[in-house]
């Protein structure tokens, strides 16, 4: 009795190829070889900086570097983390700024992360922190030059609230007109009186090529 030959159809071959591709992707994701989700980049940054696992306080998408920007925290640190997407590696770590929490802080704790474009003088700063003084209603982040005579300031009175704490995430874009040296943070009360001012010391910079989306 002759055995019947089984001819694989195009549909069957496509199903087999899809299953193999899915298995390879699952293996790559499981081994952290490919970042399927933005949080993969966040986990890599936590490992690189030795922060331990952090919880997300806020997030926003930065089209200039095609990255998900996370403000996260745990008992010991407050972190600004950027997870960037690439076709070959998926979501991976772009850069971060980590601030150790000070148990003696009484007003504001803050840090900033800056990213610059290889091909221009454009900088983007993300100033982040937590407000401990209940009298502070507005915070303003200013990018200063060495002479402290020029500033690009952005303020916010909209705080992010989590577990009884108040946090902020401020984006400041510098088109190159101010040669940035540092960031100054100011806090104002409900009567617009300045009640807090400090130079932000915790900082990190990343250099990269900005995305074409930055032009829109």
Foldseek 3Di string as FASTA:
>chain_A
DDDDDDDDDPVNVVVVVVVVVVVVVVVCVVVLQAPADQCSQVVQVCVVVVVPDWDFLDWDADQQQRWIWTFTDDPFKTKIFTWHQDPRRGTHGQDMFIDTDDPPDAAKAKEKEKEAAPVAQKIKMKIKTWGRHPQFQKKKKWFAAPVRPDTFIDMDRDFRDDPRTTMDIDMTMDRNPHPGDFMKMWTAGPVRDTDDIDTHDGYYYGYDHTDPSVVD
